[in-house]
Amino acid sequence: MKIAGFLLVICALAQWSAAAGAQESVPQAVRILLLHHSTGGVIWGGGVPEWFAQYNAAHGTKYQITERIFPQDAPYGWQNYPYDYWNIWVDHAGDSLYMEEPTLEGLTSQYDLIIWKHCYPVSNIEKDTGKPDIRSPEKRMENYLLQYEALKAKMRQFPKTRFIVWTGAVLVQSSTTEENAQRAKAFFAWVKGTWDEPGDNIFVWDLYALETEGGLYLKSGNAASLDDSHPSEAFARKAAPLFCQRVVDVIENRGDALPVTGRPTPVAEQNWGEVKVETGP
């Protein structure tokens, strides 16, 4: 009985092996959660649930994706920056809700893959003070670095759950300064090039690169308007399939081997048709 139990554990862990291309170990059913505010809602509306319905129909999988506003406007407040994830998931970790928001202990018991992101004010990064403070909600790179390192350590405590972190939604030029925008570019380069390490359970989807197309600001053609930093609906329709394929690549053990911006695939070009959309655990 002990040997049989041990073999069952090994098989379960093998399903989430980080080895690229280990297709034989991929589970058919995966519960996925996207935590977001308005920018994420726009991308979701670009066709995310429809894409997964089509993918499942074509591949015989059951990748169930759902979305959730996090944190809620009340009682916590409409803030989803590095400090807030650290505050809820690290500083107030545990089995109990914090200000009615779920901790990772709760979320990881319900979902196999958790995706989280920030609203675009995250990119309005002020100059460092020289006194980094992990408990500070101030948008400074010195604070972000500490909070992100703590969040990485926390997520690694749940090796059976995978995580995808979006690089930051970016601001239109009229809503920030060149200095703050340069700091945002540097921070998200650090997230991709240093913070994100191969071989663990954490991955990145590079929304920042898609929105800026190599520049400092949300490209005007990708923005809702010249003074609105939400992505346009047209951009969302282009970005959503890239995001979806990135999720599938992470699930199917290709996350470390393929582009963090996602990649175009034939399913993205198909008509959704009358397909059943399954979401939620």
Protein backbone atom coordinates (compact mmCIF):
# COMPACT_ATOMS: atom_id res chain seq x y z
CA MET A 1 0.00 0.00 0.00
CA LYS A 2 2.84 2.38 0.83
CA ILE A 3 4.53 1.66 -2.51
CA ALA A 4 1.29 2.19 -4.41
CA GLY A 5 0.69 5.50 -2.63
CA PHE A 6 4.21 6.63 -3.37
CA LEU A 7 3.77 5.79 -7.06
CA LEU A 8 0.55 7.81 -7.17
CA VAL A 9 2.34 10.85 -5.76
CA ILE A 10 5.17 10.49 -8.29
CA CYS A 11 2.65 10.28 -11.14
CA ALA A 12 0.84 13.39 -9.92
CA LEU A 13 4.07 15.35 -9.72
CA ALA A 14 5.09 14.15 -13.16
CA GLN A 15 2.00 15.78 -14.62
CA TRP A 16 3.55 19.15 -13.83
CA SER A 17 7.12 18.28 -14.82
CA ALA A 18 9.04 21.36 -15.95
CA ALA A 19 10.88 19.47 -18.67
CA ALA A 20 10.12 21.10 -22.04
CA GLY A 21 8.22 18.88 -24.41
CA ALA A 22 7.14 16.32 -21.82
CA GLN A 23 3.81 15.98 -23.57
CA GLU A 24 3.06 12.52 -22.23
CA SER A 25 2.70 13.91 -18.70
CA VAL A 26 0.23 16.72 -19.46
CA PRO A 27 -3.09 16.37 -17.64
CA GLN A 28 -6.23 16.68 -19.75
CA ALA A 29 -8.15 18.70 -17.14
CA VAL A 30 -6.60 21.91 -15.79
CA ARG A 31 -8.32 24.56 -13.69
CA ILE A 32 -7.10 28.06 -14.62
CA LEU A 33 -7.78 31.39 -12.90
CA LEU A 34 -7.10 34.88 -14.28
CA LEU A 35 -7.00 37.59 -11.61
CA HIS A 36 -7.49 41.05 -13.08
CA HIS A 37 -9.06 44.48 -13.11
CA SER A 38 -10.12 46.48 -16.17
CA THR A 39 -7.14 45.89 -18.49
CA GLY A 40 -7.37 42.17 -17.96
CA GLY A 41 -11.10 42.40 -18.55
CA VAL A 42 -10.49 43.98 -21.95
CA ILE A 43 -8.10 41.18 -22.92
CA TRP A 44 -10.56 38.59 -21.61
CA GLY A 45 -13.23 40.15 -23.81
CA GLY A 46 -10.94 39.77 -26.82
CA GLY A 47 -11.99 36.13 -27.01
CA VAL A 48 -10.24 34.23 -24.21
CA PRO A 49 -13.05 31.81 -23.17
CA GLU A 50 -13.98 31.21 -26.80
CA TRP A 51 -10.37 30.40 -27.69
CA PHE A 52 -10.16 27.79 -24.96
CA ALA A 53 -13.47 26.26 -25.97
CA GLN A 54 -12.15 25.88 -29.51
CA TYR A 55 -8.84 24.50 -28.31
CA ASN A 56 -10.52 21.96 -26.06
CA ALA A 57 -12.80 20.83 -28.88
CA ALA A 58 -9.85 20.39 -31.23
CA HIS A 59 -7.49 18.65 -28.79
CA GLY A 60 -9.71 16.69 -26.44
CA THR A 61 -8.52 18.69 -23.45
CA LYS A 62 -10.49 20.25 -20.63
CA TYR A 63 -8.64 23.44 -19.83
CA GLN A 64 -11.22 25.34 -17.78
CA ILE A 65 -10.44 29.05 -17.47
CA THR A 66 -12.32 31.49 -15.29
CA GLU A 67 -11.72 35.12 -14.32
CA ARG A 68 -12.03 37.03 -11.08
CA ILE A 69 -11.69 40.68 -10.06
CA PHE A 70 -8.82 40.84 -7.59
CA PRO A 71 -8.81 42.58 -5.24
CA GLN A 72 -12.40 43.80 -5.13
CA ASP A 73 -13.10 47.52 -4.81
CA ALA A 74 -14.46 46.94 -1.29
CA PRO A 75 -13.42 46.34 1.35
CA TYR A 76 -9.78 46.05 0.22
CA GLY A 77 -9.73 48.76 -2.45
CA TRP A 78 -9.06 48.95 -6.19
CA GLN A 79 -5.29 48.36 -5.90
CA ASN A 80 -3.47 45.44 -7.51
CA TYR A 81 0.14 46.56 -7.51
CA PRO A 82 3.20 44.66 -6.24
CA TYR A 83 2.58 45.89 -2.69
CA ASP A 84 -1.01 44.60 -2.72
CA TYR A 85 -0.16 41.08 -3.86
CA TRP A 86 2.61 41.02 -1.27
CA ASN A 87 0.26 42.38 1.39
CA ILE A 88 -2.48 39.82 0.78
CA TRP A 89 -0.44 36.75 -0.15
CA VAL A 90 2.77 37.15 1.85
CA ASP A 91 2.19 39.46 4.79
CA HIS A 92 -1.27 38.02 5.48
CA ALA A 93 -0.68 34.48 4.28
CA GLY A 94 -2.78 31.69 5.73
CA ASP A 95 -5.99 29.77 5.31
CA SER A 96 -8.23 32.72 6.21
CA LEU A 97 -9.39 35.46 3.88
CA TYR A 98 -7.74 38.84 4.27
CA MET A 99 -10.26 41.69 3.95
CA GLU A 100 -12.46 39.20 2.07
CA GLU A 101 -9.67 38.43 -0.42
CA PRO A 102 -8.30 34.90 -0.90
CA THR A 103 -4.73 34.08 -0.03
CA LEU A 104 -2.60 31.71 -2.08
CA GLU A 105 -3.33 28.96 0.42
CA GLY A 106 -6.97 29.13 -0.65
CA LEU A 107 -6.47 29.76 -4.35
CA THR A 108 -3.94 27.00 -4.88
CA SER A 109 -6.36 24.48 -3.38
CA GLN A 110 -8.84 25.32 -6.15
CA TYR A 111 -6.71 26.03 -9.21
CA ASP A 112 -3.84 24.37 -11.06
CA LEU A 113 -2.70 27.54 -12.84
CA ILE A 114 -3.07 31.07 -11.46
CA ILE A 115 -2.47 34.17 -13.59
CA TRP A 116 -2.05 37.63 -12.08
CA LYS A 117 -1.37 41.14 -13.33
CA HIS A 118 -1.30 44.83 -12.47
CA CYS A 119 -3.29 47.85 -13.61
CA TYR A 120 -1.45 50.34 -15.80
CA PRO A 121 -0.56 52.81 -12.99
CA VAL A 122 2.06 50.20 -12.01
CA SER A 123 4.18 51.66 -14.83
CA ASN A 124 4.24 55.15 -13.34
CA ILE A 125 7.37 54.39 -11.33
CA GLU A 126 8.85 57.22 -9.29
CA LYS A 127 12.54 57.73 -8.51
CA ASP A 128 14.07 55.55 -5.80
CA THR A 129 14.72 57.05 -2.39
CA GLY A 130 17.66 54.82 -1.51
CA LYS A 131 15.63 53.34 1.34
CA PRO A 132 13.75 50.34 -0.08
CA ASP A 133 10.79 49.25 2.02
CA ILE A 134 8.89 46.03 1.35
CA ARG A 135 5.95 47.43 3.33
CA SER A 136 5.65 50.56 1.22
CA PRO A 137 2.83 50.94 -1.32
CA GLU A 138 4.84 53.65 -3.11
CA LYS A 139 5.46 52.82 -6.75
CA ARG A 140 9.25 52.72 -6.77
CA MET A 141 11.51 50.11 -8.30
CA GLU A 142 13.37 49.62 -5.02
CA ASN A 143 10.11 48.53 -3.36
CA TYR A 144 8.91 46.50 -6.34
CA LEU A 145 12.09 44.41 -6.32
CA LEU A 146 11.65 43.40 -2.69
CA GLN A 147 7.96 42.65 -3.12
CA TYR A 148 8.52 40.58 -6.26
CA GLU A 149 11.28 38.54 -4.64
CA ALA A 150 9.01 37.79 -1.69
CA LEU A 151 6.17 36.86 -4.04
CA LYS A 152 8.44 34.51 -5.97
CA ALA A 153 9.45 32.75 -2.79
CA LYS A 154 5.79 32.49 -1.79
CA MET A 155 4.65 31.05 -5.13
CA ARG A 156 7.42 28.47 -5.00
CA GLN A 157 5.87 27.14 -1.80
CA PHE A 158 3.12 25.69 -4.03
CA PRO A 159 5.06 23.59 -6.58
CA LYS A 160 1.94 21.75 -7.75
CA THR A 161 0.44 25.04 -8.94
CA ARG A 162 1.82 27.00 -11.87
CA PHE A 163 1.74 30.78 -12.11
CA ILE A 164 1.83 33.21 -15.02
CA VAL A 165 2.60 36.84 -14.25
CA TRP A 166 1.83 39.51 -16.84
CA THR A 167 4.44 42.18 -17.31
CA GLY A 168 2.86 45.51 -16.53
CA ALA A 169 0.16 47.19 -18.50
CA VAL A 170 1.70 50.44 -19.73
CA LEU A 171 0.56 54.06 -19.84
CA VAL A 172 -0.09 56.31 -22.80
CA GLN A 173 2.48 59.09 -23.17
CA SER A 174 0.17 61.80 -21.87
CA SER A 175 -0.27 59.99 -18.54
CA THR A 176 3.34 59.63 -17.41
CA THR A 177 6.81 61.13 -17.74
CA GLU A 178 9.73 59.88 -19.78
CA GLU A 179 11.73 59.23 -16.60
CA ASN A 180 8.96 57.15 -15.03
CA ALA A 181 8.41 55.29 -18.28
CA GLN A 182 12.12 54.47 -18.51
CA ARG A 183 12.01 53.05 -15.01
CA ALA A 184 8.99 50.92 -15.95
CA LYS A 185 10.87 49.58 -18.96
CA ALA A 186 13.82 48.69 -16.74
CA PHE A 187 11.64 47.00 -14.14
CA PHE A 188 9.83 44.76 -16.59
CA ALA A 189 13.12 43.92 -18.30
CA TRP A 190 14.29 42.76 -14.86
CA VAL A 191 11.11 40.72 -14.39
CA LYS A 192 11.70 38.90 -17.69
CA GLY A 193 15.47 38.63 -17.59
CA THR A 194 16.34 38.14 -13.93
CA TRP A 195 13.32 37.51 -11.71
CA ASP A 196 11.78 34.87 -13.98
CA GLU A 197 14.00 31.80 -13.74
CA PRO A 198 13.72 28.63 -15.84
CA GLY A 199 12.83 25.36 -14.23
CA ASP A 200 10.40 26.56 -11.58
CA ASN A 201 6.61 26.92 -11.48
CA ILE A 202 6.54 30.63 -12.42
CA PHE A 203 6.25 32.01 -15.95
CA VAL A 204 5.73 35.39 -17.61
CA TRP A 205 3.45 36.68 -20.35
CA ASP A 206 4.89 39.87 -21.84
CA LEU A 207 1.95 42.23 -22.24
CA TYR A 208 4.34 45.19 -21.90
CA ALA A 209 6.19 44.28 -25.11
CA LEU A 210 2.96 43.79 -27.02
CA GLU A 211 1.50 47.11 -25.90
CA THR A 212 4.62 49.21 -26.45
CA GLU A 213 5.94 47.41 -29.56
CA GLY A 214 9.44 48.36 -28.50
CA GLY A 215 8.69 51.90 -27.34
CA LEU A 216 8.25 53.49 -23.93
CA TYR A 217 4.52 54.08 -23.94
CA LEU A 218 1.29 52.35 -24.86
CA LYS A 219 1.35 52.72 -28.63
CA SER A 220 -1.45 54.96 -29.79
CA GLY A 221 -2.83 52.32 -32.13
CA ASN A 222 -3.10 49.89 -29.21
CA ALA A 223 -4.76 52.31 -26.78
CA ALA A 224 -8.44 52.99 -26.22
CA SER A 225 -7.64 56.67 -26.91
CA LEU A 226 -4.74 59.11 -26.68
CA ASP A 227 -5.59 59.83 -23.04
CA ASP A 228 -6.92 56.41 -22.02
CA SER A 229 -4.37 53.73 -21.10
CA HIS A 230 -6.78 50.85 -21.44
CA PRO A 231 -6.02 48.66 -24.46
CA SER A 232 -8.31 49.02 -27.42
CA GLU A 233 -10.76 46.30 -28.37
CA ALA A 234 -8.81 45.76 -31.60
CA PHE A 235 -5.62 45.21 -29.61
CA ALA A 236 -7.43 42.82 -27.27
CA ARG A 237 -8.55 40.70 -30.22
CA LYS A 238 -4.92 40.40 -31.33
CA ALA A 239 -3.45 39.89 -27.87
CA ALA A 240 -6.00 37.42 -26.48
CA PRO A 241 -4.96 34.48 -28.72
CA LEU A 242 -1.29 35.12 -27.89
CA PHE A 243 -2.13 35.05 -24.20
CA CYS A 244 -4.18 31.89 -24.57
CA GLN A 245 -1.44 30.09 -26.44
CA ARG A 246 1.06 31.19 -23.80
CA VAL A 247 -1.17 29.59 -21.16
CA VAL A 248 -1.36 26.36 -23.13
CA ASP A 249 2.40 26.34 -23.69
CA VAL A 250 2.92 26.65 -19.93
CA ILE A 251 0.43 23.86 -19.23
CA GLU A 252 1.99 21.61 -21.84
CA ASN A 253 5.55 22.07 -20.57
CA ARG A 254 6.80 24.45 -23.26
CA GLY A 255 6.77 27.56 -21.08
CA ASP A 256 10.53 27.95 -20.73
CA ALA A 257 11.26 27.15 -24.36
CA LEU A 258 8.91 29.48 -26.25
CA PRO A 259 8.44 33.28 -26.51
CA VAL A 260 7.04 35.04 -23.44
CA THR A 261 4.83 37.17 -25.71
CA GLY A 262 2.99 34.06 -26.84
CA ARG A 263 2.81 32.87 -30.42
CA PRO A 264 0.20 32.88 -33.16
CA THR A 265 -1.44 29.55 -33.83
CA PRO A 266 -4.02 28.29 -36.33
CA VAL A 267 -6.76 28.10 -33.69
CA ALA A 268 -6.53 31.87 -33.30
CA GLU A 269 -7.64 32.30 -36.90
CA GLN A 270 -10.64 29.99 -36.74
CA ASN A 271 -14.23 31.08 -36.41
CA TRP A 272 -15.42 30.39 -32.88
CA GLY A 273 -18.72 29.06 -34.19
CA GLU A 274 -21.22 27.54 -31.83
CA VAL A 275 -18.85 26.08 -29.28
CA LYS A 276 -19.55 25.45 -25.63
CA VAL A 277 -17.54 27.66 -23.29
CA GLU A 278 -16.61 25.92 -20.03
CA THR A 279 -15.16 28.02 -17.23
CA GLY A 280 -14.45 27.54 -13.58
CA PRO A 281 -13.39 24.61 -11.45
